[in-house]
C-alpha cells in the first residue's frame, strides 16, 4: 500500500473543487477569450505546474513531520480538517462572482502566459495552505511510504485540475457566456461544494482518532 485512505472521497472532493469557478477559472477563461485557446491552455498548464511545486513541497514537509512525530501530524490533520470546514462555510455563504473584463489582459504569447500562471500559483499562499490542509486527511499514519502517498494524491489533484483547465480553454466562449447569463449557477455550485467540504472536514476530524 502507498498509504492512501478514502481515495474515493479525495477524488470526488478534488473534482468538485475544480468545477467551482474561482480565480484560476476566470483567469483561464479570460486569457482564452482575449488571446485564443493556445494561450488559455498555456495558462492552465502554468497553473498546474505551480500546483506541482506545492505538491512536492507539502509531500516532503508533511512526510518528514509524520516520521518525526505522530502527535504533531495528528495536530496538523485536525487543523486541516478545521480549515476545510472554514473553507466550506465560506463557499456556502459566498455571493455570486462575475467574470472580470477580458480587455484588461495584456497581449502576451504562450510562453509568457505559462510563466505567469506558474509564478502566480507558486507564490499564492492560499494554494500552499490548501495542500497542507487537504492532503494529510487521506494519509494513513501506519503506511509504509508516506511520501509516495502524498505525491500520489497531489498528482491526482493536479491531473484533474489540468484536464478541467484545458476543457475551460477549449470551451471558453460558451462557458463564460453561460456564467454571465446565469450567475446563480455560481451560488448553487459554491453551496453544494461548500457543503461537501464541511461534511468532509467534520467526518475527518471525528474519525482521526479511530
N, C-alpha and C. Protein backbone atom coordinates (compact mmCIF):
# COMPACT_ATOMS: atom_id res chain seq x y z
N UNK A 1 0.84 -1.20 0.00
CA UNK A 1 0.00 0.00 0.00
C UNK A 1 0.88 1.25 0.00
N UNK A 2 0.39 2.31 -0.59
CA UNK A 2 1.16 3.56 -0.65
C UNK A 2 0.66 4.57 0.37
N UNK A 3 -0.17 4.12 1.29
CA UNK A 3 -0.53 4.98 2.40
C UNK A 3 -1.72 5.87 2.19
N UNK A 4 -2.54 5.61 1.18
CA UNK A 4 -3.71 6.43 0.91
C UNK A 4 -4.96 5.75 1.46
N UNK A 5 -5.81 6.52 2.11
CA UNK A 5 -7.09 6.01 2.56
C UNK A 5 -8.19 6.97 2.12
N UNK A 6 -9.40 6.42 1.92
CA UNK A 6 -10.55 7.22 1.45
C UNK A 6 -10.25 7.92 0.13
N UNK A 7 -9.62 7.18 -0.80
CA UNK A 7 -9.24 7.81 -2.08
C UNK A 7 -10.48 8.25 -2.86
N UNK A 8 -11.56 7.48 -2.76
CA UNK A 8 -12.78 7.86 -3.46
C UNK A 8 -13.29 9.22 -3.03
N UNK A 9 -13.28 9.46 -1.71
CA UNK A 9 -13.71 10.76 -1.19
C UNK A 9 -12.77 11.86 -1.66
N UNK A 10 -11.48 11.55 -1.69
CA UNK A 10 -10.50 12.53 -2.16
C UNK A 10 -10.76 12.90 -3.62
N UNK A 11 -11.02 11.90 -4.45
CA UNK A 11 -11.24 12.15 -5.87
C UNK A 11 -12.50 12.98 -6.09
N UNK A 12 -13.57 12.64 -5.37
CA UNK A 12 -14.83 13.39 -5.51
C UNK A 12 -14.63 14.85 -5.08
N UNK A 13 -13.96 15.04 -3.94
CA UNK A 13 -13.72 16.39 -3.45
C UNK A 13 -12.84 17.18 -4.42
N UNK A 14 -11.83 16.53 -4.99
CA UNK A 14 -10.93 17.20 -5.93
C UNK A 14 -11.69 17.67 -7.17
N UNK A 15 -12.51 16.79 -7.73
CA UNK A 15 -13.27 17.14 -8.93
C UNK A 15 -14.26 18.27 -8.62
N UNK A 16 -14.92 18.18 -7.47
CA UNK A 16 -15.88 19.22 -7.10
C UNK A 16 -15.19 20.57 -6.95
N UNK A 17 -14.02 20.58 -6.33
CA UNK A 17 -13.29 21.83 -6.15
C UNK A 17 -12.84 22.41 -7.48
N UNK A 18 -12.45 21.55 -8.40
CA UNK A 18 -12.04 22.04 -9.72
C UNK A 18 -13.20 22.65 -10.48
N UNK A 19 -14.41 22.14 -10.27
CA UNK A 19 -15.57 22.62 -11.01
C UNK A 19 -16.08 23.96 -10.50
N UNK A 20 -15.71 24.33 -9.27
CA UNK A 20 -16.17 25.61 -8.72
C UNK A 20 -15.38 26.76 -9.36
N UNK A 21 -16.07 27.70 -10.02
CA UNK A 21 -15.36 28.83 -10.65
C UNK A 21 -14.66 29.70 -9.60
N UNK A 22 -13.37 29.82 -9.74
CA UNK A 22 -12.58 30.66 -8.85
C UNK A 22 -11.62 31.51 -9.66
N UNK A 23 -10.63 32.12 -9.02
CA UNK A 23 -9.68 32.98 -9.73
C UNK A 23 -8.99 32.27 -10.89
N UNK A 24 -8.59 31.00 -10.70
CA UNK A 24 -7.92 30.27 -11.79
C UNK A 24 -8.87 30.07 -12.97
N UNK A 25 -10.12 29.74 -12.67
CA UNK A 25 -11.11 29.55 -13.73
C UNK A 25 -11.28 30.82 -14.56
N UNK A 26 -11.47 31.95 -13.86
CA UNK A 26 -11.68 33.21 -14.56
C UNK A 26 -10.43 33.64 -15.34
N UNK A 27 -9.26 33.33 -14.78
CA UNK A 27 -8.01 33.67 -15.45
C UNK A 27 -7.90 32.91 -16.77
N UNK A 28 -8.16 31.60 -16.73
CA UNK A 28 -8.08 30.78 -17.94
C UNK A 28 -9.13 31.21 -18.97
N UNK A 29 -10.35 31.44 -18.51
CA UNK A 29 -11.41 31.88 -19.42
C UNK A 29 -11.05 33.21 -20.08
N UNK A 30 -10.57 34.14 -19.27
CA UNK A 30 -10.23 35.46 -19.80
C UNK A 30 -9.10 35.40 -20.81
N UNK A 31 -8.04 34.65 -20.50
CA UNK A 31 -6.92 34.55 -21.43
C UNK A 31 -7.36 33.87 -22.72
N UNK A 32 -8.20 32.85 -22.62
CA UNK A 32 -8.66 32.13 -23.81
C UNK A 32 -9.49 33.03 -24.71
N UNK A 33 -10.41 33.80 -24.11
CA UNK A 33 -11.27 34.68 -24.89
C UNK A 33 -10.49 35.82 -25.52
N UNK A 34 -9.54 36.38 -24.78
CA UNK A 34 -8.82 37.55 -25.26
C UNK A 34 -7.71 37.19 -26.24
N UNK A 35 -7.07 36.03 -26.05
CA UNK A 35 -5.87 35.73 -26.82
C UNK A 35 -5.87 34.36 -27.49
N UNK A 36 -6.94 33.63 -27.37
CA UNK A 36 -7.03 32.36 -28.07
C UNK A 36 -6.84 31.15 -27.17
N UNK A 37 -7.20 30.00 -27.71
CA UNK A 37 -7.15 28.76 -26.94
C UNK A 37 -5.73 28.37 -26.54
N UNK A 38 -4.77 28.65 -27.44
CA UNK A 38 -3.39 28.27 -27.14
C UNK A 38 -2.88 28.95 -25.88
N UNK A 39 -3.15 30.24 -25.76
CA UNK A 39 -2.74 30.98 -24.56
C UNK A 39 -3.52 30.49 -23.35
N UNK A 40 -4.80 30.16 -23.56
CA UNK A 40 -5.59 29.64 -22.45
C UNK A 40 -5.06 28.31 -21.93
N UNK A 41 -4.69 27.42 -22.86
CA UNK A 41 -4.11 26.13 -22.47
C UNK A 41 -2.77 26.34 -21.76
N UNK A 42 -1.95 27.25 -22.29
CA UNK A 42 -0.66 27.54 -21.67
C UNK A 42 -0.84 28.08 -20.25
N UNK A 43 -1.84 28.93 -20.07
CA UNK A 43 -2.13 29.47 -18.73
C UNK A 43 -2.53 28.35 -17.78
N UNK A 44 -3.36 27.43 -18.28
CA UNK A 44 -3.79 26.29 -17.46
C UNK A 44 -2.60 25.42 -17.06
N UNK A 45 -1.71 25.16 -18.02
CA UNK A 45 -0.54 24.33 -17.73
C UNK A 45 0.40 25.03 -16.75
N UNK A 46 0.51 26.35 -16.86
CA UNK A 46 1.33 27.09 -15.91
C UNK A 46 0.79 27.00 -14.50
N UNK A 47 -0.52 27.12 -14.36
CA UNK A 47 -1.16 26.99 -13.05
C UNK A 47 -0.93 25.59 -12.49
N UNK A 48 -1.03 24.57 -13.35
CA UNK A 48 -0.81 23.20 -12.90
C UNK A 48 0.64 22.99 -12.47
N UNK A 49 1.58 23.60 -13.19
CA UNK A 49 2.99 23.49 -12.81
C UNK A 49 3.23 24.10 -11.44
N UNK A 50 2.54 25.22 -11.17
CA UNK A 50 2.65 25.81 -9.83
C UNK A 50 2.08 24.89 -8.76
N UNK A 51 0.99 24.20 -9.09
CA UNK A 51 0.41 23.25 -8.14
C UNK A 51 1.36 22.09 -7.88
N UNK A 52 2.15 21.70 -8.87
CA UNK A 52 3.14 20.64 -8.67
C UNK A 52 4.19 21.05 -7.64
N UNK A 53 4.58 22.32 -7.69
CA UNK A 53 5.54 22.83 -6.72
C UNK A 53 4.98 22.67 -5.31
N UNK A 54 3.73 23.06 -5.12
CA UNK A 54 3.09 22.93 -3.81
C UNK A 54 2.93 21.46 -3.41
N UNK A 55 2.66 20.59 -4.40
CA UNK A 55 2.50 19.17 -4.11
C UNK A 55 3.77 18.59 -3.50
N UNK A 56 4.90 18.81 -4.15
CA UNK A 56 6.15 18.22 -3.66
C UNK A 56 6.63 18.90 -2.38
N UNK A 57 6.39 20.20 -2.24
CA UNK A 57 6.76 20.88 -1.01
C UNK A 57 5.98 20.33 0.17
N UNK A 58 4.66 20.16 -0.03
CA UNK A 58 3.82 19.61 1.04
C UNK A 58 4.17 18.16 1.32
N UNK A 59 4.44 17.38 0.27
CA UNK A 59 4.75 15.96 0.45
C UNK A 59 6.03 15.78 1.26
N UNK A 60 7.06 16.52 0.92
CA UNK A 60 8.34 16.38 1.63
C UNK A 60 8.22 16.83 3.07
N UNK A 61 7.60 18.00 3.27
CA UNK A 61 7.48 18.53 4.63
C UNK A 61 6.59 17.70 5.52
N UNK A 62 5.44 17.29 5.01
CA UNK A 62 4.50 16.52 5.83
C UNK A 62 4.99 15.11 6.08
N UNK A 63 5.68 14.51 5.12
CA UNK A 63 6.25 13.18 5.34
C UNK A 63 7.30 13.21 6.45
N UNK A 64 8.12 14.25 6.43
CA UNK A 64 9.13 14.39 7.48
C UNK A 64 8.48 14.60 8.84
N UNK A 65 7.40 15.39 8.87
CA UNK A 65 6.70 15.64 10.12
C UNK A 65 6.07 14.36 10.67
N UNK A 66 5.47 13.57 9.79
CA UNK A 66 4.84 12.32 10.21
C UNK A 66 5.87 11.35 10.75
N UNK A 67 7.04 11.30 10.11
CA UNK A 67 8.11 10.42 10.57
C UNK A 67 8.63 10.86 11.93
N UNK A 68 8.71 12.16 12.14
CA UNK A 68 9.29 12.68 13.38
C UNK A 68 8.32 12.61 14.55
N UNK A 69 7.03 12.88 14.30
CA UNK A 69 6.08 12.94 15.42
C UNK A 69 4.67 12.66 14.93
N UNK A 70 4.13 11.52 15.35
CA UNK A 70 2.75 11.18 15.01
C UNK A 70 1.77 12.15 15.65
N UNK A 71 2.12 12.64 16.85
CA UNK A 71 1.24 13.58 17.55
C UNK A 71 1.16 14.91 16.80
N UNK A 72 2.31 15.40 16.33
CA UNK A 72 2.33 16.65 15.57
C UNK A 72 1.55 16.50 14.28
N UNK A 73 1.68 15.35 13.64
CA UNK A 73 0.96 15.13 12.40
C UNK A 73 -0.55 15.08 12.65
N UNK A 74 -0.94 14.48 13.79
CA UNK A 74 -2.35 14.44 14.15
C UNK A 74 -2.89 15.86 14.33
N UNK A 75 -2.08 16.71 14.95
CA UNK A 75 -2.48 18.11 15.14
C UNK A 75 -2.67 18.80 13.79
N UNK A 76 -1.77 18.51 12.85
CA UNK A 76 -1.88 19.09 11.51
C UNK A 76 -3.16 18.62 10.83
N UNK A 77 -3.50 17.34 11.00
CA UNK A 77 -4.72 16.81 10.39
C UNK A 77 -5.97 17.48 10.98
N UNK A 78 -5.97 17.70 12.29
CA UNK A 78 -7.12 18.34 12.92
C UNK A 78 -7.25 19.79 12.47
N UNK A 79 -6.12 20.49 12.39
CA UNK A 79 -6.15 21.87 11.90
C UNK A 79 -6.59 21.91 10.44
N UNK A 80 -6.13 20.92 9.67
CA UNK A 80 -6.53 20.86 8.28
C UNK A 80 -8.01 20.60 8.12
N UNK A 81 -8.56 19.70 8.95
CA UNK A 81 -9.99 19.43 8.91
C UNK A 81 -10.79 20.68 9.26
N UNK A 82 -10.30 21.43 10.25
CA UNK A 82 -10.97 22.68 10.63
C UNK A 82 -10.91 23.69 9.49
N UNK A 83 -9.79 23.71 8.78
CA UNK A 83 -9.66 24.62 7.64
C UNK A 83 -10.63 24.25 6.53
N UNK A 84 -10.82 22.96 6.29
CA UNK A 84 -11.77 22.52 5.27
C UNK A 84 -13.19 22.95 5.63
N UNK A 85 -13.53 22.85 6.92
CA UNK A 85 -14.85 23.30 7.37
C UNK A 85 -14.99 24.80 7.14
N UNK A 86 -13.96 25.55 7.50
CA UNK A 86 -13.98 27.01 7.29
C UNK A 86 -14.11 27.34 5.81
N UNK A 87 -13.34 26.64 4.96
CA UNK A 87 -13.39 26.88 3.53
C UNK A 87 -14.78 26.57 2.99
N UNK A 88 -15.37 25.47 3.47
CA UNK A 88 -16.70 25.09 3.03
C UNK A 88 -17.75 26.11 3.43
N UNK A 89 -17.69 26.59 4.66
CA UNK A 89 -18.65 27.59 5.12
C UNK A 89 -18.50 28.89 4.33
N UNK A 90 -17.27 29.25 4.01
CA UNK A 90 -17.04 30.45 3.22
C UNK A 90 -17.67 30.32 1.84
N UNK A 91 -17.60 29.13 1.27
CA UNK A 91 -18.19 28.90 -0.04
C UNK A 91 -19.72 28.90 0.03
N UNK A 92 -20.27 28.35 1.10
CA UNK A 92 -21.72 28.29 1.25
C UNK A 92 -22.32 29.70 1.30
N UNK A 93 -21.65 30.60 2.00
CA UNK A 93 -22.19 31.95 2.19
C UNK A 93 -21.63 32.97 1.19
N UNK A 94 -20.89 32.48 0.20
CA UNK A 94 -20.32 33.39 -0.79
C UNK A 94 -21.37 33.77 -1.82
N UNK A 95 -21.39 35.03 -2.20
CA UNK A 95 -22.32 35.52 -3.21
C UNK A 95 -21.75 35.27 -4.61
N UNK A 96 -22.56 35.45 -5.62
CA UNK A 96 -22.15 35.21 -7.00
C UNK A 96 -21.02 36.16 -7.38
N UNK A 97 -20.12 35.65 -8.21
CA UNK A 97 -18.99 36.43 -8.69
C UNK A 97 -19.05 36.51 -10.21
N UNK A 98 -18.87 37.68 -10.74
CA UNK A 98 -18.90 37.86 -12.19
C UNK A 98 -17.50 37.68 -12.76
N UNK A 99 -17.43 37.27 -14.02
CA UNK A 99 -16.15 37.15 -14.69
C UNK A 99 -15.60 38.53 -14.97
N UNK A 100 -14.33 38.81 -14.63
CA UNK A 100 -13.76 40.13 -14.88
C UNK A 100 -13.64 40.42 -16.36
N UNK A 101 -13.52 41.68 -16.69
CA UNK A 101 -13.44 42.08 -18.09
C UNK A 101 -12.22 41.51 -18.78
N UNK A 102 -12.42 41.01 -19.98
CA UNK A 102 -11.33 40.38 -20.71
C UNK A 102 -10.35 41.41 -21.27
N UNK A 103 -10.80 42.65 -21.47
CA UNK A 103 -9.95 43.66 -22.09
C UNK A 103 -8.83 44.13 -21.17
N UNK A 104 -8.80 43.68 -19.95
CA UNK A 104 -7.76 44.09 -19.00
C UNK A 104 -6.52 43.21 -19.13
N UNK A 105 -6.57 42.15 -19.92
CA UNK A 105 -5.46 41.23 -20.05
C UNK A 105 -4.45 41.76 -21.06
N UNK A 106 -3.17 41.57 -20.74
CA UNK A 106 -2.13 42.03 -21.64
C UNK A 106 -2.01 41.07 -22.83
N UNK A 107 -1.45 41.55 -23.91
CA UNK A 107 -1.36 40.77 -25.14
C UNK A 107 -0.07 39.95 -25.15
N UNK A 108 -0.02 38.91 -24.32
CA UNK A 108 1.15 38.06 -24.21
C UNK A 108 0.96 36.79 -25.04
N UNK A 109 2.08 36.11 -25.31
CA UNK A 109 2.04 34.87 -26.05
C UNK A 109 1.94 33.67 -25.13
N UNK A 110 2.18 32.49 -25.74
CA UNK A 110 2.05 31.24 -25.00
C UNK A 110 3.07 31.14 -23.87
N UNK A 111 4.34 31.47 -24.18
CA UNK A 111 5.39 31.37 -23.17
C UNK A 111 5.14 32.25 -21.94
N UNK A 112 4.90 33.55 -22.15
CA UNK A 112 4.60 34.41 -21.00
C UNK A 112 3.35 33.98 -20.24
N UNK A 113 2.35 33.47 -20.95
CA UNK A 113 1.13 33.02 -20.27
C UNK A 113 1.43 31.86 -19.34
N UNK A 114 2.27 30.93 -19.80
CA UNK A 114 2.66 29.79 -18.96
C UNK A 114 3.43 30.27 -17.74
N UNK A 115 4.39 31.16 -17.95
CA UNK A 115 5.21 31.66 -16.84
C UNK A 115 4.36 32.41 -15.82
N UNK A 116 3.42 33.22 -16.30
CA UNK A 116 2.57 33.98 -15.38
C UNK A 116 1.71 33.05 -14.54
N UNK A 117 1.15 32.00 -15.17
CA UNK A 117 0.36 31.04 -14.42
C UNK A 117 1.19 30.32 -13.39
N UNK A 118 2.42 29.93 -13.77
CA UNK A 118 3.33 29.24 -12.86
C UNK A 118 3.70 30.11 -11.66
N UNK A 119 4.12 31.32 -11.94
CA UNK A 119 4.57 32.21 -10.86
C UNK A 119 3.41 32.58 -9.94
N UNK A 120 2.27 32.92 -10.53
CA UNK A 120 1.12 33.32 -9.73
C UNK A 120 0.69 32.23 -8.77
N UNK A 121 0.61 30.99 -9.27
CA UNK A 121 0.14 29.89 -8.43
C UNK A 121 1.19 29.48 -7.41
N UNK A 122 2.47 29.49 -7.81
CA UNK A 122 3.54 29.10 -6.90
C UNK A 122 3.64 30.05 -5.71
N UNK A 123 3.42 31.35 -5.96
CA UNK A 123 3.57 32.35 -4.91
C UNK A 123 2.28 32.64 -4.15
N UNK A 124 1.24 31.84 -4.43
CA UNK A 124 -0.05 32.06 -3.76
C UNK A 124 -0.08 31.28 -2.44
N UNK A 125 -0.04 31.96 -1.29
CA UNK A 125 -0.03 31.25 0.00
C UNK A 125 -1.30 30.46 0.25
N UNK A 126 -2.41 30.87 -0.36
CA UNK A 126 -3.66 30.14 -0.16
C UNK A 126 -3.59 28.74 -0.77
N UNK A 127 -2.88 28.62 -1.89
CA UNK A 127 -2.71 27.31 -2.51
C UNK A 127 -1.86 26.42 -1.63
N UNK A 128 -0.78 26.98 -1.07
CA UNK A 128 0.07 26.21 -0.17
C UNK A 128 -0.71 25.74 1.05
N UNK A 129 -1.51 26.63 1.61
CA UNK A 129 -2.30 26.29 2.79
C UNK A 129 -3.31 25.20 2.47
N UNK A 130 -3.91 25.27 1.28
CA UNK A 130 -4.88 24.25 0.89
C UNK A 130 -4.22 22.88 0.81
N UNK A 131 -3.07 22.79 0.18
CA UNK A 131 -2.40 21.50 0.06
C UNK A 131 -1.99 20.96 1.43
N UNK A 132 -1.53 21.82 2.31
CA UNK A 132 -1.14 21.40 3.66
C UNK A 132 -2.34 20.91 4.46
N UNK A 133 -3.50 21.48 4.18
CA UNK A 133 -4.71 21.08 4.92
C UNK A 133 -5.39 19.87 4.30
N UNK A 134 -5.34 19.78 2.98
CA UNK A 134 -6.13 18.78 2.26
C UNK A 134 -5.47 17.41 2.22
N UNK A 135 -4.20 17.36 1.85
CA UNK A 135 -3.54 16.07 1.63
C UNK A 135 -3.43 15.19 2.88
N UNK A 136 -3.09 15.75 4.06
CA UNK A 136 -2.92 14.85 5.22
C UNK A 136 -4.19 14.09 5.61
N UNK A 137 -5.35 14.59 5.21
CA UNK A 137 -6.59 13.95 5.63
C UNK A 137 -6.76 12.55 5.03
N UNK A 138 -5.97 12.24 4.00
CA UNK A 138 -6.16 10.98 3.30
C UNK A 138 -4.92 10.09 3.35
N UNK A 139 -4.06 10.33 4.34
CA UNK A 139 -2.85 9.54 4.51
C UNK A 139 -2.94 8.70 5.78
N UNK A 140 -2.67 7.42 5.67
CA UNK A 140 -2.67 6.52 6.83
C UNK A 140 -1.34 6.65 7.57
N UNK A 141 -1.42 6.80 8.89
CA UNK A 141 -0.20 7.01 9.67
C UNK A 141 0.69 5.76 9.70
N UNK A 142 0.11 4.57 9.52
CA UNK A 142 0.90 3.34 9.59
C UNK A 142 1.34 2.85 8.21
N UNK A 143 1.31 3.73 7.22
CA UNK A 143 1.67 3.33 5.85
C UNK A 143 3.17 3.13 5.73
N UNK A 144 3.57 2.31 4.75
CA UNK A 144 5.00 2.06 4.51
C UNK A 144 5.69 3.26 3.89
N UNK A 145 5.00 3.96 3.01
CA UNK A 145 5.61 5.09 2.31
C UNK A 145 4.66 6.29 2.35
N UNK A 146 4.93 7.21 3.26
CA UNK A 146 4.09 8.40 3.35
C UNK A 146 4.35 9.36 2.20
N UNK A 147 5.62 9.47 1.82
CA UNK A 147 5.97 10.40 0.74
C UNK A 147 5.26 10.02 -0.56
N UNK A 148 5.26 8.72 -0.88
CA UNK A 148 4.61 8.26 -2.10
C UNK A 148 3.11 8.53 -2.07
N UNK A 149 2.51 8.36 -0.89
CA UNK A 149 1.08 8.65 -0.75
C UNK A 149 0.77 10.11 -0.99
N UNK A 150 1.56 11.00 -0.38
CA UNK A 150 1.35 12.44 -0.56
C UNK A 150 1.52 12.83 -2.04
N UNK A 151 2.58 12.33 -2.65
CA UNK A 151 2.84 12.67 -4.05
C UNK A 151 1.71 12.16 -4.95
N UNK A 152 1.23 10.94 -4.68
CA UNK A 152 0.16 10.36 -5.49
C UNK A 152 -1.12 11.18 -5.40
N UNK A 153 -1.47 11.61 -4.19
CA UNK A 153 -2.65 12.44 -4.00
C UNK A 153 -2.49 13.79 -4.70
N UNK A 154 -1.33 14.39 -4.51
CA UNK A 154 -1.10 15.69 -5.14
C UNK A 154 -1.15 15.61 -6.65
N UNK A 155 -0.55 14.57 -7.21
CA UNK A 155 -0.57 14.41 -8.66
C UNK A 155 -1.98 14.15 -9.17
N UNK A 156 -2.76 13.41 -8.40
CA UNK A 156 -4.16 13.17 -8.78
C UNK A 156 -4.93 14.48 -8.87
N UNK A 157 -4.73 15.33 -7.86
CA UNK A 157 -5.41 16.62 -7.86
C UNK A 157 -4.94 17.48 -9.03
N UNK A 158 -3.64 17.47 -9.30
CA UNK A 158 -3.10 18.28 -10.40
C UNK A 158 -3.62 17.79 -11.74
N UNK A 159 -3.70 16.48 -11.92
CA UNK A 159 -4.20 15.92 -13.19
C UNK A 159 -5.65 16.33 -13.42
N UNK A 160 -6.49 16.20 -12.39
CA UNK A 160 -7.90 16.56 -12.56
C UNK A 160 -8.05 18.06 -12.85
N UNK A 161 -7.25 18.87 -12.18
CA UNK A 161 -7.34 20.32 -12.42
C UNK A 161 -6.80 20.69 -13.80
N UNK A 162 -5.78 19.97 -14.27
CA UNK A 162 -5.24 20.24 -15.60
C UNK A 162 -6.25 19.90 -16.69
N UNK A 163 -6.88 18.74 -16.55
CA UNK A 163 -7.90 18.34 -17.53
C UNK A 163 -9.02 19.38 -17.58
N UNK A 164 -9.46 19.82 -16.40
CA UNK A 164 -10.54 20.82 -16.35
C UNK A 164 -10.08 22.15 -16.93
N UNK A 165 -8.83 22.53 -16.67
CA UNK A 165 -8.32 23.78 -17.22
C UNK A 165 -8.28 23.77 -18.73
N UNK A 166 -7.89 22.64 -19.31
CA UNK A 166 -7.85 22.52 -20.77
C UNK A 166 -9.27 22.56 -21.35
N UNK A 167 -10.21 21.92 -20.65
CA UNK A 167 -11.61 21.98 -21.08
C UNK A 167 -12.10 23.42 -21.07
N UNK A 168 -11.74 24.16 -20.02
CA UNK A 168 -12.13 25.57 -19.94
C UNK A 168 -11.58 26.36 -21.11
N UNK A 169 -10.30 26.13 -21.44
CA UNK A 169 -9.67 26.88 -22.52
C UNK A 169 -10.35 26.59 -23.86
N UNK A 170 -10.70 25.35 -24.10
CA UNK A 170 -11.27 24.97 -25.39
C UNK A 170 -12.73 25.37 -25.53
N UNK A 171 -13.42 25.48 -24.42
CA UNK A 171 -14.85 25.83 -24.49
C UNK A 171 -15.12 27.16 -23.81
N UNK A 172 -14.15 28.06 -23.86
CA UNK A 172 -14.20 29.30 -23.09
C UNK A 172 -15.39 30.18 -23.43
N UNK A 173 -15.69 30.33 -24.71
CA UNK A 173 -16.77 31.24 -25.11
C UNK A 173 -18.11 30.80 -24.55
N UNK A 174 -18.43 29.53 -24.72
CA UNK A 174 -19.72 29.02 -24.23
C UNK A 174 -19.80 29.06 -22.71
N UNK A 175 -18.72 28.67 -22.05
CA UNK A 175 -18.74 28.63 -20.59
C UNK A 175 -18.82 30.03 -19.98
N UNK A 176 -18.02 30.96 -20.50
CA UNK A 176 -18.04 32.31 -19.94
C UNK A 176 -19.39 32.97 -20.19
N UNK A 177 -19.97 32.74 -21.37
CA UNK A 177 -21.28 33.31 -21.65
C UNK A 177 -22.34 32.75 -20.74
N UNK A 178 -22.27 31.44 -20.48
CA UNK A 178 -23.23 30.81 -19.58
C UNK A 178 -23.11 31.34 -18.17
N UNK A 179 -21.88 31.56 -17.70
CA UNK A 179 -21.68 32.09 -16.34
C UNK A 179 -22.21 33.51 -16.22
N UNK A 180 -22.03 34.31 -17.29
CA UNK A 180 -22.53 35.68 -17.24
C UNK A 180 -24.07 35.72 -17.25
N UNK A 181 -24.67 34.83 -18.03
CA UNK A 181 -26.13 34.82 -18.13
C UNK A 181 -26.78 34.20 -16.88
N UNK A 182 -26.07 33.30 -16.21
CA UNK A 182 -26.66 32.59 -15.07
C UNK A 182 -25.74 32.67 -13.85
N UNK A 183 -25.63 33.85 -13.24
CA UNK A 183 -24.76 33.99 -12.07
C UNK A 183 -25.22 33.15 -10.89
N UNK A 184 -26.50 32.75 -10.88
CA UNK A 184 -26.98 31.90 -9.79
C UNK A 184 -26.31 30.54 -9.79
N UNK A 185 -25.78 30.15 -10.96
CA UNK A 185 -25.06 28.88 -11.06
C UNK A 185 -23.87 28.87 -10.11
N UNK A 186 -23.17 30.01 -10.01
CA UNK A 186 -22.03 30.10 -9.12
C UNK A 186 -22.45 29.92 -7.67
N UNK A 187 -23.56 30.54 -7.30
CA UNK A 187 -24.05 30.42 -5.92
C UNK A 187 -24.41 28.97 -5.61
N UNK A 188 -25.12 28.34 -6.53
CA UNK A 188 -25.55 26.96 -6.33
C UNK A 188 -24.34 26.02 -6.21
N UNK A 189 -23.38 26.16 -7.12
CA UNK A 189 -22.22 25.28 -7.11
C UNK A 189 -21.36 25.51 -5.88
N UNK A 190 -21.23 26.77 -5.46
CA UNK A 190 -20.49 27.07 -4.24
C UNK A 190 -21.13 26.41 -3.03
N UNK A 191 -22.46 26.48 -2.95
CA UNK A 191 -23.15 25.90 -1.80
C UNK A 191 -23.01 24.37 -1.77
N UNK A 192 -23.13 23.74 -2.93
CA UNK A 192 -23.01 22.29 -3.00
C UNK A 192 -21.60 21.84 -2.60
N UNK A 193 -20.60 22.48 -3.20
CA UNK A 193 -19.22 22.10 -2.90
C UNK A 193 -18.84 22.49 -1.47
N UNK A 194 -19.32 23.63 -1.01
CA UNK A 194 -19.06 24.03 0.37
C UNK A 194 -19.64 23.05 1.36
N UNK A 195 -20.85 22.58 1.11
CA UNK A 195 -21.47 21.58 1.98
C UNK A 195 -20.65 20.30 1.99
N UNK A 196 -20.16 19.91 0.82
CA UNK A 196 -19.32 18.71 0.73
C UNK A 196 -18.06 18.87 1.57
N UNK A 197 -17.43 20.04 1.50
CA UNK A 197 -16.20 20.27 2.26
C UNK A 197 -16.46 20.29 3.75
N UNK A 198 -17.56 20.91 4.17
CA UNK A 198 -17.89 20.93 5.59
C UNK A 198 -18.10 19.51 6.10
N UNK A 199 -18.89 18.73 5.36
CA UNK A 199 -19.12 17.35 5.76
C UNK A 199 -17.85 16.53 5.79
N UNK A 200 -16.98 16.75 4.80
CA UNK A 200 -15.72 16.03 4.75
C UNK A 200 -14.83 16.42 5.92
N UNK A 201 -14.76 17.72 6.21
CA UNK A 201 -13.93 18.17 7.33
C UNK A 201 -14.41 17.61 8.66
N UNK A 202 -15.72 17.63 8.87
CA UNK A 202 -16.27 17.09 10.13
C UNK A 202 -16.01 15.59 10.23
N UNK A 203 -16.23 14.88 9.14
CA UNK A 203 -16.01 13.44 9.15
C UNK A 203 -14.55 13.10 9.45
N UNK A 204 -13.63 13.82 8.80
CA UNK A 204 -12.22 13.56 9.00
C UNK A 204 -11.79 13.90 10.43
N UNK A 205 -12.32 14.98 10.96
CA UNK A 205 -11.95 15.38 12.32
C UNK A 205 -12.45 14.37 13.34
N UNK A 206 -13.63 13.85 13.16
CA UNK A 206 -14.22 12.92 14.13
C UNK A 206 -13.67 11.50 13.99
N UNK A 207 -13.04 11.21 12.83
CA UNK A 207 -12.52 9.86 12.63
C UNK A 207 -11.01 9.79 12.78
N UNK A 208 -10.39 10.92 13.12
CA UNK A 208 -8.95 10.99 13.19
C UNK A 208 -8.37 10.04 14.22
N UNK A 209 -9.07 9.92 15.34
CA UNK A 209 -8.54 9.13 16.44
C UNK A 209 -8.94 7.66 16.41
N UNK A 210 -9.64 7.25 15.37
CA UNK A 210 -10.09 5.87 15.28
C UNK A 210 -8.91 4.96 14.97
